[in-house]
Amino acid sequence: MSGVQSEASSEGGQNVGYIQNGDYLVFNHVNFGTADPSKFDARVATTAGGNIEIRLDSLNGSLIGTCAVTSTGGWQTYTTQSCAISDVSGMHDVYLKFTGGSGYLFNFNWFKFS
């Protein structure tokens, strides 16, 4: 990860916060197998907004989807926001690259592919 910090979440446990334009998270060796997911869900909270770029194998790797994050009404008011992703299978490092305006964009609790 780069540029982010964990903090206590209103939903229990920890969330990723202090996300700004260009920050990212990486998840190594994600095995999609032959599942071929078509959707990305992210649990987020914000009064601002931004985007989550879902990229494979590097920070500038293949872009399989971009999930727009819109205001949820508060920094600890979580909703699940979704976007379509293109075909993916096999083993990949998954990069979640955060983009948007200046200042803090949103808090990030969890994600899933389906």
PDB file of N, CA and C in Angstrom:
ATOM      1  N   MET A   1       0.849  -1.178   0.000  1.00  0.00           N
ATOM      2  CA  MET A   1       0.000   0.000   0.000  1.00  0.00           C
ATOM      3  C   MET A   1       0.884   1.227   0.000  1.00  0.00           C
ATOM      4  N   SER A   2       0.301   2.311  -0.431  1.00  0.00           N
ATOM      5  CA  SER A   2       1.057   3.554  -0.468  1.00  0.00           C
ATOM      6  C   SER A   2       0.137   4.720  -0.150  1.00  0.00           C
ATOM      7  N   GLY A   3       0.547   5.543   0.836  1.00  0.00           N
ATOM      8  CA  GLY A   3      -0.138   6.793   1.124  1.00  0.00           C
ATOM      9  C   GLY A   3      -1.384   6.681   1.974  1.00  0.00           C
ATOM     10  N   VAL A   4      -1.724   5.502   2.474  1.00  0.00           N
ATOM     11  CA  VAL A   4      -2.955   5.333   3.233  1.00  0.00           C
ATOM     12  C   VAL A   4      -2.629   4.857   4.646  1.00  0.00           C
ATOM     13  N   GLN A   5      -3.634   4.926   5.524  1.00  0.00           N
ATOM     14  CA  GLN A   5      -3.480   4.464   6.899  1.00  0.00           C
ATOM     15  C   GLN A   5      -4.732   3.695   7.293  1.00  0.00           C
ATOM     16  N   SER A   6      -4.587   2.813   8.266  1.00  0.00           N
ATOM     17  CA  SER A   6      -5.768   2.144   8.806  1.00  0.00           C
ATOM     18  C   SER A   6      -6.292   2.946   9.988  1.00  0.00           C
ATOM     19  N   GLU A   7      -7.594   2.782  10.241  1.00  0.00           N
ATOM     20  CA  GLU A   7      -8.245   3.452  11.362  1.00  0.00           C
ATOM     21  C   GLU A   7      -9.437   2.610  11.795  1.00  0.00           C
ATOM     22  N   ALA A   8      -9.978   2.898  12.974  1.00  0.00           N
ATOM     23  CA  ALA A   8     -11.151   2.182  13.458  1.00  0.00           C
ATOM     24  C   ALA A   8     -12.348   2.477  12.555  1.00  0.00           C
ATOM     25  N   SER A   9     -13.117   1.431  12.247  1.00  0.00           N
ATOM     26  CA  SER A   9     -14.294   1.555  11.393  1.00  0.00           C
ATOM     27  C   SER A   9     -15.567   1.506  12.225  1.00  0.00           C
ATOM     28  N   SER A  10     -16.563   2.285  11.827  1.00  0.00           N
ATOM     29  CA  SER A  10     -17.862   2.262  12.508  1.00  0.00           C
ATOM     30  C   SER A  10     -18.564   0.918  12.321  1.00  0.00           C
ATOM     31  N   GLU A  11     -18.105   0.121  11.360  1.00  0.00           N
ATOM     32  CA  GLU A  11     -18.693  -1.197  11.118  1.00  0.00           C
ATOM     33  C   GLU A  11     -17.935  -2.305  11.833  1.00  0.00           C
ATOM     34  N   GLY A  12     -16.996  -1.917  12.682  1.00  0.00           N
ATOM     35  CA  GLY A  12     -16.168  -2.878  13.402  1.00  0.00           C
ATOM     36  C   GLY A  12     -14.846  -3.084  12.687  1.00  0.00           C
ATOM     37  N   GLY A  13     -13.834  -3.443  13.424  1.00  0.00           N
ATOM     38  CA  GLY A  13     -12.521  -3.662  12.837  1.00  0.00           C
ATOM     39  C   GLY A  13     -11.881  -2.376  12.345  1.00  0.00           C
ATOM     40  N   GLN A  14     -11.150  -2.499  11.252  1.00  0.00           N
ATOM     41  CA  GLN A  14     -10.391  -1.387  10.697  1.00  0.00           C
ATOM     42  C   GLN A  14     -10.833  -1.109   9.269  1.00  0.00           C
ATOM     43  N   ASN A  15     -10.711   0.139   8.836  1.00  0.00           N
ATOM     44  CA  ASN A  15     -10.876   0.493   7.432  1.00  0.00           C
ATOM     45  C   ASN A  15      -9.610   1.185   6.967  1.00  0.00           C
ATOM     46  N   VAL A  16      -9.473   1.335   5.659  1.00  0.00           N
ATOM     47  CA  VAL A  16      -8.371   2.097   5.076  1.00  0.00           C
ATOM     48  C   VAL A  16      -8.861   3.521   4.899  1.00  0.00           C
ATOM     49  N   GLY A  17      -8.134   4.466   5.461  1.00  0.00           N
ATOM     50  CA  GLY A  17      -8.532   5.865   5.401  1.00  0.00           C
ATOM     51  C   GLY A  17      -7.401   6.743   4.908  1.00  0.00           C
ATOM     52  N   TYR A  18      -7.663   8.032   4.895  1.00  0.00           N
ATOM     53  CA  TYR A  18      -6.696   9.044   4.476  1.00  0.00           C
ATOM     54  C   TYR A  18      -6.270   8.833   3.019  1.00  0.00           C
ATOM     55  N   ILE A  19      -7.191   8.320   2.210  1.00  0.00           N
ATOM     56  CA  ILE A  19      -6.921   8.033   0.803  1.00  0.00           C
ATOM     57  C   ILE A  19      -6.930   9.329   0.002  1.00  0.00           C
ATOM     58  N   GLN A  20      -5.864   9.531  -0.769  1.00  0.00           N
ATOM     59  CA  GLN A  20      -5.755  10.693  -1.648  1.00  0.00           C
ATOM     60  C   GLN A  20      -5.446  10.235  -3.072  1.00  0.00           C
ATOM     61  N   ASN A  21      -5.569  11.149  -4.004  1.00  0.00           N
ATOM     62  CA  ASN A  21      -5.312  10.856  -5.412  1.00  0.00           C
ATOM     63  C   ASN A  21      -3.942  10.200  -5.587  1.00  0.00           C
ATOM     64  N   GLY A  22      -3.911   9.057  -6.275  1.00  0.00           N
ATOM     65  CA  GLY A  22      -2.660   8.354  -6.559  1.00  0.00           C
ATOM     66  C   GLY A  22      -2.288   7.293  -5.550  1.00  0.00           C
ATOM     67  N   ASP A  23      -2.946   7.248  -4.394  1.00  0.00           N
ATOM     68  CA  ASP A  23      -2.676   6.199  -3.416  1.00  0.00           C
ATOM     69  C   ASP A  23      -3.170   4.860  -3.960  1.00  0.00           C
ATOM     70  N   TYR A  24      -2.675   3.766  -3.391  1.00  0.00           N
ATOM     71  CA  TYR A  24      -3.107   2.455  -3.867  1.00  0.00           C
ATOM     72  C   TYR A  24      -2.927   1.374  -2.809  1.00  0.00           C
ATOM     73  N   LEU A  25      -3.609   0.265  -3.040  1.00  0.00           N
ATOM     74  CA  LEU A  25      -3.433  -0.971  -2.285  1.00  0.00           C
ATOM     75  C   LEU A  25      -3.088  -2.059  -3.289  1.00  0.00           C
ATOM     76  N   VAL A  26      -2.293  -3.046  -2.877  1.00  0.00           N
ATOM     77  CA  VAL A  26      -1.986  -4.179  -3.745  1.00  0.00           C
ATOM     78  C   VAL A  26      -2.269  -5.470  -2.986  1.00  0.00           C
ATOM     79  N   PHE A  27      -2.863  -6.417  -3.680  1.00  0.00           N
ATOM     80  CA  PHE A  27      -3.173  -7.739  -3.143  1.00  0.00           C
ATOM     81  C   PHE A  27      -2.489  -8.754  -4.051  1.00  0.00           C
ATOM     82  N   ASN A  28      -1.489  -9.431  -3.511  1.00  0.00           N
ATOM     83  CA  ASN A  28      -0.666 -10.333  -4.302  1.00  0.00           C
ATOM     84  C   ASN A  28      -1.301 -11.707  -4.452  1.00  0.00           C
ATOM     85  N   HIS A  29      -1.082 -12.299  -5.605  1.00  0.00           N
ATOM     86  CA  HIS A  29      -1.451 -13.690  -5.897  1.00  0.00           C
ATOM     87  C   HIS A  29      -2.933 -13.972  -5.702  1.00  0.00           C
ATOM     88  N   VAL A  30      -3.792 -13.130  -6.248  1.00  0.00           N
ATOM     89  CA  VAL A  30      -5.238 -13.366  -6.218  1.00  0.00           C
ATOM     90  C   VAL A  30      -5.548 -14.390  -7.304  1.00  0.00           C
ATOM     91  N   ASN A  31      -6.145 -15.510  -6.905  1.00  0.00           N
ATOM     92  CA  ASN A  31      -6.435 -16.586  -7.850  1.00  0.00           C
ATOM     93  C   ASN A  31      -7.893 -16.505  -8.288  1.00  0.00           C
ATOM     94  N   PHE A  32      -8.103 -15.997  -9.497  1.00  0.00           N
ATOM     95  CA  PHE A  32      -9.449 -15.923 -10.059  1.00  0.00           C
ATOM     96  C   PHE A  32      -9.882 -17.268 -10.633  1.00  0.00           C
ATOM     97  N   GLY A  33      -8.922 -18.179 -10.810  1.00  0.00           N
ATOM     98  CA  GLY A  33      -9.226 -19.469 -11.405  1.00  0.00           C
ATOM     99  C   GLY A  33      -9.915 -19.278 -12.738  1.00  0.00           C
ATOM    100  N   THR A  34     -11.011 -19.993 -12.947  1.00  0.00           N
ATOM    101  CA  THR A  34     -11.806 -19.846 -14.170  1.00  0.00           C
ATOM    102  C   THR A  34     -13.148 -19.201 -13.854  1.00  0.00           C
ATOM    103  N   ALA A  35     -13.246 -18.565 -12.681  1.00  0.00           N
ATOM    104  CA  ALA A  35     -14.518 -17.997 -12.206  1.00  0.00           C
ATOM    105  C   ALA A  35     -15.047 -16.891 -13.124  1.00  0.00           C
ATOM    106  N   ASP A  36     -14.167 -16.132 -13.748  1.00  0.00           N
ATOM    107  CA  ASP A  36     -14.547 -15.045 -14.642  1.00  0.00           C
ATOM    108  C   ASP A  36     -15.571 -14.087 -14.026  1.00  0.00           C
ATOM    109  N   PRO A  37     -15.201 -13.417 -12.922  1.00  0.00           N
ATOM    110  CA  PRO A  37     -16.138 -12.467 -12.303  1.00  0.00           C
ATOM    111  C   PRO A  37     -16.457 -11.310 -13.248  1.00  0.00           C
ATOM    112  N   SER A  38     -17.633 -10.730 -13.076  1.00  0.00           N
ATOM    113  CA  SER A  38     -18.042  -9.612 -13.934  1.00  0.00           C
ATOM    114  C   SER A  38     -18.330  -8.343 -13.145  1.00  0.00           C
ATOM    115  N   LYS A  39     -18.202  -8.416 -11.809  1.00  0.00           N
ATOM    116  CA  LYS A  39     -18.567  -7.274 -10.971  1.00  0.00           C
ATOM    117  C   LYS A  39     -17.576  -7.108  -9.826  1.00  0.00           C
ATOM    118  N   PHE A  40     -17.341  -5.842  -9.463  1.00  0.00           N
ATOM    119  CA  PHE A  40     -16.500  -5.469  -8.328  1.00  0.00           C
ATOM    120  C   PHE A  40     -17.370  -4.676  -7.373  1.00  0.00           C
ATOM    121  N   ASP A  41     -17.425  -5.086  -6.108  1.00  0.00           N
ATOM    122  CA  ASP A  41     -18.153  -4.375  -5.058  1.00  0.00           C
ATOM    123  C   ASP A  41     -17.155  -3.811  -4.067  1.00  0.00           C
ATOM    124  N   ALA A  42     -17.354  -2.560  -3.654  1.00  0.00           N
ATOM    125  CA  ALA A  42     -16.492  -1.918  -2.671  1.00  0.00           C
ATOM    126  C   ALA A  42     -17.360  -1.293  -1.583  1.00  0.00           C
ATOM    127  N   ARG A  43     -16.984  -1.508  -0.342  1.00  0.00           N
ATOM    128  CA  ARG A  43     -17.670  -0.898   0.798  1.00  0.00           C
ATOM    129  C   ARG A  43     -16.910   0.369   1.149  1.00  0.00           C
ATOM    130  N   VAL A  44     -17.548   1.533   0.940  1.00  0.00           N
ATOM    131  CA  VAL A  44     -16.879   2.825   1.052  1.00  0.00           C
ATOM    132  C   VAL A  44     -17.730   3.826   1.835  1.00  0.00           C
ATOM    133  N   ALA A  45     -17.062   4.860   2.335  1.00  0.00           N
ATOM    134  CA  ALA A  45     -17.741   5.964   3.024  1.00  0.00           C
ATOM    135  C   ALA A  45     -17.026   7.261   2.659  1.00  0.00           C
ATOM    136  N   THR A  46     -17.826   8.337   2.417  1.00  0.00           N
ATOM    137  CA  THR A  46     -17.193   9.594   2.012  1.00  0.00           C
ATOM    138  C   THR A  46     -18.186  10.755   2.031  1.00  0.00           C
ATOM    139  N   THR A  47     -17.647  11.945   2.127  1.00  0.00           N
ATOM    140  CA  THR A  47     -18.413  13.155   1.837  1.00  0.00           C
ATOM    141  C   THR A  47     -17.886  13.793   0.557  1.00  0.00           C
ATOM    142  N   ALA A  48     -16.832  13.195  -0.008  1.00  0.00           N
ATOM    143  CA  ALA A  48     -16.196  13.720  -1.222  1.00  0.00           C
ATOM    144  C   ALA A  48     -16.488  12.786  -2.392  1.00  0.00           C
ATOM    145  N   GLY A  49     -15.601  11.877  -2.671  1.00  0.00           N
ATOM    146  CA  GLY A  49     -15.764  10.919  -3.762  1.00  0.00           C
ATOM    147  C   GLY A  49     -14.493  10.772  -4.560  1.00  0.00           C
ATOM    148  N   GLY A  50     -14.541   9.900  -5.534  1.00  0.00           N
ATOM    149  CA  GLY A  50     -13.392   9.618  -6.381  1.00  0.00           C
ATOM    150  C   GLY A  50     -13.643   8.345  -7.160  1.00  0.00           C
ATOM    151  N   ASN A  51     -12.571   7.666  -7.507  1.00  0.00           N
ATOM    152  CA  ASN A  51     -12.653   6.427  -8.282  1.00  0.00           C
ATOM    153  C   ASN A  51     -11.691   5.389  -7.743  1.00  0.00           C
ATOM    154  N   ILE A  52     -12.048   4.133  -7.969  1.00  0.00           N
ATOM    155  CA  ILE A  52     -11.153   3.015  -7.713  1.00  0.00           C
ATOM    156  C   ILE A  52     -10.860   2.373  -9.062  1.00  0.00           C
ATOM    157  N   GLU A  53      -9.625   2.432  -9.493  1.00  0.00           N
ATOM    158  CA  GLU A  53      -9.204   1.733 -10.706  1.00  0.00           C
ATOM    159  C   GLU A  53      -8.740   0.346 -10.296  1.00  0.00           C
ATOM    160  N   ILE A  54      -9.265  -0.694 -10.951  1.00  0.00           N
ATOM    161  CA  ILE A  54      -8.871  -2.066 -10.670  1.00  0.00           C
ATOM    162  C   ILE A  54      -7.907  -2.476 -11.769  1.00  0.00           C
ATOM    163  N   ARG A  55      -6.641  -2.694 -11.392  1.00  0.00           N
ATOM    164  CA  ARG A  55      -5.580  -2.991 -12.361  1.00  0.00           C
ATOM    165  C   ARG A  55      -4.910  -4.316 -12.022  1.00  0.00           C
ATOM    166  N   LEU A  56      -4.400  -4.977 -13.046  1.00  0.00           N
ATOM    167  CA  LEU A  56      -3.753  -6.275 -12.874  1.00  0.00           C
ATOM    168  C   LEU A  56      -2.247  -6.179 -13.025  1.00  0.00           C
ATOM    169  N   ASP A  57      -1.541  -6.760 -12.065  1.00  0.00           N
ATOM    170  CA  ASP A  57      -0.111  -7.066 -12.112  1.00  0.00           C
ATOM    171  C   ASP A  57       0.843  -5.892 -11.958  1.00  0.00           C
ATOM    172  N   SER A  58       0.372  -4.652 -12.054  1.00  0.00           N
ATOM    173  CA  SER A  58       1.214  -3.498 -11.749  1.00  0.00           C
ATOM    174  C   SER A  58       0.318  -2.274 -11.598  1.00  0.00           C
ATOM    175  N   LEU A  59       0.888  -1.225 -11.058  1.00  0.00           N
ATOM    176  CA  LEU A  59       0.132  -0.002 -10.829  1.00  0.00           C
ATOM    177  C   LEU A  59      -0.397   0.596 -12.129  1.00  0.00           C
ATOM    178  N   ASN A  60       0.279   0.338 -13.220  1.00  0.00           N
ATOM    179  CA  ASN A  60      -0.158   0.817 -14.530  1.00  0.00           C
ATOM    180  C   ASN A  60      -0.534  -0.336 -15.453  1.00  0.00           C
ATOM    181  N   GLY A  61      -0.830  -1.495 -14.854  1.00  0.00           N
ATOM    182  CA  GLY A  61      -1.176  -2.682 -15.624  1.00  0.00           C
ATOM    183  C   GLY A  61      -2.560  -2.588 -16.240  1.00  0.00           C
ATOM    184  N   SER A  62      -3.011  -3.702 -16.805  1.00  0.00           N
ATOM    185  CA  SER A  62      -4.309  -3.764 -17.479  1.00  0.00           C
ATOM    186  C   SER A  62      -5.423  -3.263 -16.569  1.00  0.00           C
ATOM    187  N   LEU A  63      -6.188  -2.301 -17.078  1.00  0.00           N
ATOM    188  CA  LEU A  63      -7.324  -1.742 -16.348  1.00  0.00           C
ATOM    189  C   LEU A  63      -8.542  -2.610 -16.650  1.00  0.00           C
ATOM    190  N   ILE A  64      -9.067  -3.309 -15.620  1.00  0.00           N
ATOM    191  CA  ILE A  64     -10.225  -4.178 -15.850  1.00  0.00           C
ATOM    192  C   ILE A  64     -11.530  -3.536 -15.398  1.00  0.00           C
ATOM    193  N   GLY A  65     -11.449  -2.396 -14.715  1.00  0.00           N
ATOM    194  CA  GLY A  65     -12.654  -1.694 -14.305  1.00  0.00           C
ATOM    195  C   GLY A  65     -12.337  -0.437 -13.532  1.00  0.00           C
ATOM    196  N   THR A  66     -13.286   0.482 -13.533  1.00  0.00           N
ATOM    197  CA  THR A  66     -13.183   1.703 -12.738  1.00  0.00           C
ATOM    198  C   THR A  66     -14.496   1.869 -11.990  1.00  0.00           C
ATOM    199  N   CYS A  67     -14.409   1.923 -10.685  1.00  0.00           N
ATOM    200  CA  CYS A  67     -15.593   2.029  -9.832  1.00  0.00           C
ATOM    201  C   CYS A  67     -15.689   3.461  -9.304  1.00  0.00           C
ATOM    202  N   ALA A  68     -16.749   4.163  -9.690  1.00  0.00           N
ATOM    203  CA  ALA A  68     -16.981   5.515  -9.189  1.00  0.00           C
ATOM    204  C   ALA A  68     -17.490   5.446  -7.763  1.00  0.00           C
ATOM    205  N   VAL A  69     -16.917   6.260  -6.897  1.00  0.00           N
ATOM    206  CA  VAL A  69     -17.339   6.355  -5.501  1.00  0.00           C
ATOM    207  C   VAL A  69     -17.992   7.714  -5.315  1.00  0.00           C
ATOM    208  N   THR A  70     -19.264   7.708  -4.932  1.00  0.00           N
ATOM    209  CA  THR A  70     -20.002   8.951  -4.720  1.00  0.00           C
ATOM    210  C   THR A  70     -20.285   9.139  -3.233  1.00  0.00           C
ATOM    211  N   SER A  71     -20.656  10.331  -2.860  1.00  0.00           N
ATOM    212  CA  SER A  71     -20.878  10.668  -1.451  1.00  0.00           C
ATOM    213  C   SER A  71     -21.876   9.720  -0.793  1.00  0.00           C
ATOM    214  N   THR A  72     -21.519   9.292   0.408  1.00  0.00           N
ATOM    215  CA  THR A  72     -22.400   8.446   1.217  1.00  0.00           C
ATOM    216  C   THR A  72     -23.001   9.236   2.378  1.00  0.00           C
ATOM    217  N   GLY A  73     -22.570  10.482   2.538  1.00  0.00           N
ATOM    218  CA  GLY A  73     -23.102  11.339   3.582  1.00  0.00           C
ATOM    219  C   GLY A  73     -22.244  11.438   4.829  1.00  0.00           C
ATOM    220  N   GLY A  74     -21.143  10.683   4.900  1.00  0.00           N
ATOM    221  CA  GLY A  74     -20.271  10.763   6.063  1.00  0.00           C
ATOM    222  C   GLY A  74     -19.051   9.879   5.901  1.00  0.00           C
ATOM    223  N   TRP A  75     -17.994  10.207   6.631  1.00  0.00           N
ATOM    224  CA  TRP A  75     -16.734   9.466   6.535  1.00  0.00           C
ATOM    225  C   TRP A  75     -16.815   8.085   7.165  1.00  0.00           C
ATOM    226  N   GLN A  76     -17.844   7.824   7.958  1.00  0.00           N
ATOM    227  CA  GLN A  76     -18.068   6.490   8.521  1.00  0.00           C
ATOM    228  C   GLN A  76     -19.473   5.993   8.202  1.00  0.00           C
ATOM    229  N   THR A  77     -20.100   6.555   7.165  1.00  0.00           N
ATOM    230  CA  THR A  77     -21.415   6.116   6.694  1.00  0.00           C
ATOM    231  C   THR A  77     -21.171   5.269   5.446  1.00  0.00           C
ATOM    232  N   TYR A  78     -21.160   3.946   5.624  1.00  0.00           N
ATOM    233  CA  TYR A  78     -20.747   3.037   4.560  1.00  0.00           C
ATOM    234  C   TYR A  78     -21.899   2.577   3.681  1.00  0.00           C
ATOM    235  N   THR A  79     -21.609   2.470   2.382  1.00  0.00           N
ATOM    236  CA  THR A  79     -22.494   1.839   1.410  1.00  0.00           C
ATOM    237  C   THR A  79     -21.626   0.981   0.499  1.00  0.00           C
ATOM    238  N   THR A  80     -22.260   0.037  -0.163  1.00  0.00           N
ATOM    239  CA  THR A  80     -21.561  -0.791  -1.133  1.00  0.00           C
ATOM    240  C   THR A  80     -21.817  -0.214  -2.522  1.00  0.00           C
ATOM    241  N   GLN A  81     -20.742   0.145  -3.212  1.00  0.00           N
ATOM    242  CA  GLN A  81     -20.847   0.675  -4.565  1.00  0.00           C
ATOM    243  C   GLN A  81     -20.179  -0.308  -5.511  1.00  0.00           C
ATOM    244  N   SER A  82     -20.757  -0.466  -6.707  1.00  0.00           N
ATOM    245  CA  SER A  82     -20.349  -1.533  -7.619  1.00  0.00           C
ATOM    246  C   SER A  82     -20.021  -1.007  -9.003  1.00  0.00           C
ATOM    247  N   CYS A  83     -19.259  -1.815  -9.747  1.00  0.00           N
ATOM    248  CA  CYS A  83     -18.987  -1.532 -11.155  1.00  0.00           C
ATOM    249  C   CYS A  83     -18.712  -2.838 -11.881  1.00  0.00           C
ATOM    250  N   ALA A  84     -18.876  -2.787 -13.187  1.00  0.00           N
ATOM    251  CA  ALA A  84     -18.570  -3.943 -14.031  1.00  0.00           C
ATOM    252  C   ALA A  84     -17.061  -4.030 -14.244  1.00  0.00           C
ATOM    253  N   ILE A  85     -16.572  -5.255 -14.397  1.00  0.00           N
ATOM    254  CA  ILE A  85     -15.167  -5.469 -14.742  1.00  0.00           C
ATOM    255  C   ILE A  85     -15.100  -6.350 -15.979  1.00  0.00           C
ATOM    256  N   SER A  86     -13.991  -6.247 -16.694  1.00  0.00           N
ATOM    257  CA  SER A  86     -13.802  -7.067 -17.889  1.00  0.00           C
ATOM    258  C   SER A  86     -13.312  -8.451 -17.489  1.00  0.00           C
ATOM    259  N   ASP A  87     -13.279  -9.342 -18.453  1.00  0.00           N
ATOM    260  CA  ASP A  87     -12.893 -10.736 -18.216  1.00  0.00           C
ATOM    261  C   ASP A  87     -11.545 -10.827 -17.524  1.00  0.00           C
ATOM    262  N   VAL A  88     -11.489 -11.690 -16.520  1.00  0.00           N
ATOM    263  CA  VAL A  88     -10.231 -11.959 -15.829  1.00  0.00           C
ATOM    264  C   VAL A  88     -10.265 -13.396 -15.326  1.00  0.00           C
ATOM    265  N   SER A  89      -9.151 -14.074 -15.460  1.00  0.00           N
ATOM    266  CA  SER A  89      -9.013 -15.427 -14.930  1.00  0.00           C
ATOM    267  C   SER A  89      -7.548 -15.644 -14.582  1.00  0.00           C
ATOM    268  N   GLY A  90      -7.270 -16.730 -13.891  1.00  0.00           N
ATOM    269  CA  GLY A  90      -5.901 -17.044 -13.513  1.00  0.00           C
ATOM    270  C   GLY A  90      -5.434 -16.278 -12.289  1.00  0.00           C
ATOM    271  N   MET A  91      -4.122 -16.287 -12.071  1.00  0.00           N
ATOM    272  CA  MET A  91      -3.486 -15.672 -10.903  1.00  0.00           C
ATOM    273  C   MET A  91      -2.937 -14.300 -11.274  1.00  0.00           C
ATOM    274  N   HIS A  92      -3.270 -13.292 -10.442  1.00  0.00           N
ATOM    275  CA  HIS A  92      -2.804 -11.923 -10.693  1.00  0.00           C
ATOM    276  C   HIS A  92      -2.563 -11.197  -9.373  1.00  0.00           C
ATOM    277  N   ASP A  93      -1.677 -10.218  -9.419  1.00  0.00           N
ATOM    278  CA  ASP A  93      -1.597  -9.219  -8.362  1.00  0.00           C
ATOM    279  C   ASP A  93      -2.657  -8.175  -8.723  1.00  0.00           C
ATOM    280  N   VAL A  94      -3.494  -7.816  -7.755  1.00  0.00           N
ATOM    281  CA  VAL A  94      -4.571  -6.846  -7.991  1.00  0.00           C
ATOM    282  C   VAL A  94      -4.202  -5.537  -7.317  1.00  0.00           C
ATOM    283  N   TYR A  95      -4.165  -4.483  -8.113  1.00  0.00           N
ATOM    284  CA  TYR A  95      -3.885  -3.140  -7.621  1.00  0.00           C
ATOM    285  C   TYR A  95      -5.179  -2.344  -7.623  1.00  0.00           C
ATOM    286  N   LEU A  96      -5.497  -1.748  -6.486  1.00  0.00           N
ATOM    287  CA  LEU A  96      -6.624  -0.822  -6.384  1.00  0.00           C
ATOM    288  C   LEU A  96      -6.010   0.564  -6.289  1.00  0.00           C
ATOM    289  N   LYS A  97      -6.100   1.299  -7.380  1.00  0.00           N
ATOM    290  CA  LYS A  97      -5.512   2.641  -7.478  1.00  0.00           C
ATOM    291  C   LYS A  97      -6.632   3.662  -7.295  1.00  0.00           C
ATOM    292  N   PHE A  98      -6.431   4.590  -6.374  1.00  0.00           N
ATOM    293  CA  PHE A  98      -7.451   5.574  -6.027  1.00  0.00           C
ATOM    294  C   PHE A  98      -7.165   6.887  -6.754  1.00  0.00           C
ATOM    295  N   THR A  99      -8.188   7.413  -7.419  1.00  0.00           N
ATOM    296  CA  THR A  99      -8.023   8.654  -8.176  1.00  0.00           C
ATOM    297  C   THR A  99      -9.160   9.621  -7.854  1.00  0.00           C
ATOM    298  N   GLY A 100      -8.901  10.905  -8.051  1.00  0.00           N
ATOM    299  CA  GLY A 100      -9.917  11.923  -7.809  1.00  0.00           C
ATOM    300  C   GLY A 100      -9.281  13.282  -7.632  1.00  0.00           C
ATOM    301  N   GLY A 101     -10.026  14.177  -7.017  1.00  0.00           N
ATOM    302  CA  GLY A 101      -9.567  15.542  -6.809  1.00  0.00           C
ATOM    303  C   GLY A 101      -8.556  15.657  -5.684  1.00  0.00           C
ATOM    304  N   SER A 102      -8.422  16.870  -5.158  1.00  0.00           N
ATOM    305  CA  SER A 102      -7.473  17.109  -4.071  1.00  0.00           C
ATOM    306  C   SER A 102      -8.113  16.778  -2.730  1.00  0.00           C
ATOM    307  N   GLY A 103      -7.293  16.573  -1.733  1.00  0.00           N
ATOM    308  CA  GLY A 103      -7.777  16.244  -0.397  1.00  0.00           C
ATOM    309  C   GLY A 103      -8.123  14.767  -0.279  1.00  0.00           C
ATOM    310  N   TYR A 104      -8.750  14.420   0.847  1.00  0.00           N
ATOM    311  CA  TYR A 104      -9.120  13.028   1.085  1.00  0.00           C
ATOM    312  C   TYR A 104     -10.314  12.650   0.226  1.00  0.00           C
ATOM    313  N   LEU A 105     -10.283  11.445  -0.352  1.00  0.00           N
ATOM    314  CA  LEU A 105     -11.321  11.004  -1.276  1.00  0.00           C
ATOM    315  C   LEU A 105     -12.422  10.205  -0.585  1.00  0.00           C
ATOM    316  N   PHE A 106     -12.053   9.133   0.104  1.00  0.00           N
ATOM    317  CA  PHE A 106     -13.035   8.263   0.753  1.00  0.00           C
ATOM    318  C   PHE A 106     -12.322   7.299   1.687  1.00  0.00           C
ATOM    319  N   ASN A 107     -13.099   6.621   2.522  1.00  0.00           N
ATOM    320  CA  ASN A 107     -12.617   5.517   3.346  1.00  0.00           C
ATOM    321  C   ASN A 107     -13.051   4.218   2.678  1.00  0.00           C
ATOM    322  N   PHE A 108     -12.254   3.181   2.838  1.00  0.00           N
ATOM    323  CA  PHE A 108     -12.441   1.912   2.145  1.00  0.00           C
ATOM    324  C   PHE A 108     -12.448   0.797   3.181  1.00  0.00           C
ATOM    325  N   ASN A 109     -13.530   0.010   3.202  1.00  0.00           N
ATOM    326  CA  ASN A 109     -13.651  -1.040   4.213  1.00  0.00           C
ATOM    327  C   ASN A 109     -13.338  -2.425   3.657  1.00  0.00           C
ATOM    328  N   TRP A 110     -13.982  -2.816   2.554  1.00  0.00           N
ATOM    329  CA  TRP A 110     -13.715  -4.125   1.954  1.00  0.00           C
ATOM    330  C   TRP A 110     -14.119  -4.127   0.489  1.00  0.00           C
ATOM    331  N   PHE A 111     -13.724  -5.193  -0.212  1.00  0.00           N
ATOM    332  CA  PHE A 111     -14.119  -5.369  -1.608  1.00  0.00           C
ATOM    333  C   PHE A 111     -14.310  -6.851  -1.886  1.00  0.00           C
ATOM    334  N   LYS A 112     -15.049  -7.118  -2.982  1.00  0.00           N
ATOM    335  CA  LYS A 112     -15.184  -8.498  -3.457  1.00  0.00           C
ATOM    336  C   LYS A 112     -15.437  -8.489  -4.949  1.00  0.00           C
ATOM    337  N   PHE A 113     -15.070  -9.588  -5.574  1.00  0.00           N
ATOM    338  CA  PHE A 113     -15.386  -9.829  -6.975  1.00  0.00           C
ATOM    339  C   PHE A 113     -16.518 -10.841  -7.018  1.00  0.00           C
ATOM    340  N   SER A 114     -17.460 -10.656  -7.936  1.00  0.00           N
ATOM    341  CA  SER A 114     -18.536 -11.640  -8.082  1.00  0.00           C
ATOM    342  C   SER A 114     -18.953 -11.724  -9.540  1.00  0.00           C
TER     343      SER A 114
END
